[in-house]
Amino acid sequence: MINGFDDIQKIGKDNMDYAMKSFGSFSKGMQSLAVEMADYSKKSFEDSAATMEKLMAAKSIDKAMEIQTDYVKSSYEGFVAQATKVGELYADLAKDAYKPFEGMVAKVSK
């Protein structure tokens, strides 16, 4: 009977360890995502402000259209690159958060 209680206690401790490791990985991943999004937002704002300054200084409609077109093109390319990067970060986050539980699943499967 005592061995059964010790086993249950060990399983509970192992499960708590897995959960804490998973939470740590999740926390680090969310911090990385937050930093990445903040950096992207800052860069986007700076690019927008620089483009607005160029538009205000444009001497002709043709030059303004060129500035606008370049801005839209670079913004779209930047957004696609950022979306890809964030998608990869989310995938890595999911893998890292699940990794501690792989050992538990292997034990249960046996």
Protein backbone atom coordinates (compact mmCIF):
# COMPACT_ATOMS: atom_id res chain seq x y z
CA MET A 1 0.00 0.00 0.00
CA ILE A 2 2.80 2.39 0.85
CA ASN A 3 4.51 1.69 -2.47
CA GLY A 4 1.27 2.62 -4.26
CA PHE A 5 1.11 5.94 -2.41
CA ASP A 6 4.78 6.64 -3.19
CA ASP A 7 4.15 5.87 -6.85
CA ILE A 8 1.15 8.21 -6.96
CA GLN A 9 3.17 10.91 -5.23
CA LYS A 10 6.05 10.49 -7.72
CA ILE A 11 3.64 10.64 -10.68
CA GLY A 12 2.12 13.84 -9.26
CA LYS A 13 5.57 15.37 -8.80
CA ASP A 14 6.62 14.36 -12.33
CA ASN A 15 3.44 15.83 -13.79
CA MET A 16 4.03 19.10 -11.93
CA ASP A 17 7.61 19.20 -13.25
CA TYR A 18 6.36 18.66 -16.80
CA ALA A 19 3.76 21.39 -16.38
CA MET A 20 6.31 23.87 -14.98
CA LYS A 21 8.77 23.16 -17.80
CA SER A 22 6.00 23.58 -20.34
CA PHE A 23 4.90 26.84 -18.73
CA GLY A 24 8.50 28.11 -18.78
CA SER A 25 8.82 27.32 -22.48
CA PHE A 26 5.46 28.94 -23.18
CA SER A 27 6.44 32.05 -21.23
CA LYS A 28 9.74 32.41 -23.12
CA GLY A 29 7.95 31.93 -26.43
CA MET A 30 5.36 34.58 -25.63
CA GLN A 31 8.10 37.00 -24.61
CA SER A 32 9.86 36.41 -27.92
CA LEU A 33 6.61 37.03 -29.78
CA ALA A 34 5.94 40.23 -27.83
CA VAL A 35 9.44 41.56 -28.54
CA GLU A 36 9.13 40.66 -32.21
CA MET A 37 5.76 42.38 -32.56
CA ALA A 38 6.97 45.48 -30.70
CA ASP A 39 10.02 45.73 -32.96
CA TYR A 40 7.87 45.32 -36.07
CA SER A 41 5.39 47.95 -34.87
CA LYS A 42 8.19 50.41 -34.14
CA LYS A 43 9.79 49.83 -37.54
CA SER A 44 6.42 50.15 -39.29
CA PHE A 45 5.69 53.43 -37.53
CA GLU A 46 9.14 54.81 -38.38
CA ASP A 47 8.74 53.79 -42.04
CA SER A 48 5.31 55.43 -42.17
CA ALA A 49 6.63 58.66 -40.67
CA ALA A 50 9.57 58.74 -43.10
CA THR A 51 7.24 58.16 -46.03
CA MET A 52 4.94 60.95 -44.87
CA GLU A 53 7.91 63.32 -44.72
CA LYS A 54 8.89 62.33 -48.26
CA LEU A 55 5.32 62.84 -49.46
CA MET A 56 5.19 66.32 -47.93
CA ALA A 57 8.44 67.21 -49.67
CA ALA A 58 7.36 65.82 -53.06
CA LYS A 59 7.37 68.47 -55.79
CA SER A 60 4.98 66.71 -58.16
CA ILE A 61 2.09 64.28 -58.23
CA ASP A 62 4.24 61.78 -60.15
CA LYS A 63 6.93 61.86 -57.45
CA ALA A 64 4.26 61.49 -54.74
CA MET A 65 2.78 58.48 -56.53
CA GLU A 66 6.25 56.93 -56.83
CA ILE A 67 6.87 57.41 -53.10
CA GLN A 68 3.46 55.97 -52.27
CA THR A 69 3.99 52.96 -54.55
CA ASP A 70 7.42 52.23 -53.07
CA TYR A 71 5.98 52.47 -49.56
CA VAL A 72 3.08 50.12 -50.30
CA LYS A 73 5.39 47.60 -51.95
CA SER A 74 7.94 47.61 -49.12
CA SER A 75 5.17 47.52 -46.48
CA TYR A 76 3.55 44.49 -48.10
CA GLU A 77 6.87 42.66 -48.40
CA GLY A 78 7.69 43.50 -44.78
CA PHE A 79 4.29 42.30 -43.62
CA VAL A 80 4.60 38.98 -45.45
CA ALA A 81 8.09 38.45 -44.02
CA GLN A 82 6.85 39.34 -40.52
CA ALA A 83 3.82 37.06 -40.80
CA THR A 84 6.08 34.18 -41.84
CA LYS A 85 8.44 34.88 -38.95
CA VAL A 86 5.60 35.07 -36.42
CA GLY A 87 4.11 31.85 -37.77
CA GLU A 88 7.43 30.11 -37.26
CA LEU A 89 7.67 31.52 -33.73
CA TYR A 90 4.19 30.18 -32.91
CA ALA A 91 5.12 26.76 -34.31
CA ASP A 92 8.32 26.73 -32.24
CA LEU A 93 6.33 27.83 -29.19
CA ALA A 94 3.92 24.92 -29.58
CA LYS A 95 6.76 22.42 -30.06
CA ASP A 96 8.70 23.72 -27.05
CA ALA A 97 5.63 23.80 -24.80
CA TYR A 98 4.73 20.20 -25.73
CA LYS A 99 8.28 18.84 -25.46
CA PRO A 100 8.20 18.23 -21.65
CA PHE A 101 5.07 16.10 -22.04
CA GLU A 102 6.64 13.80 -24.63
CA GLY A 103 8.37 11.87 -21.87
CA MET A 104 5.13 11.45 -19.99
CA VAL A 105 3.33 10.21 -23.09
CA ALA A 106 6.11 7.71 -23.73
CA LYS A 107 5.79 6.38 -20.15
CA VAL A 108 2.02 6.03 -20.43
CA SER A 109 2.27 4.31 -23.82
CA LYS A 110 4.43 1.50 -22.41
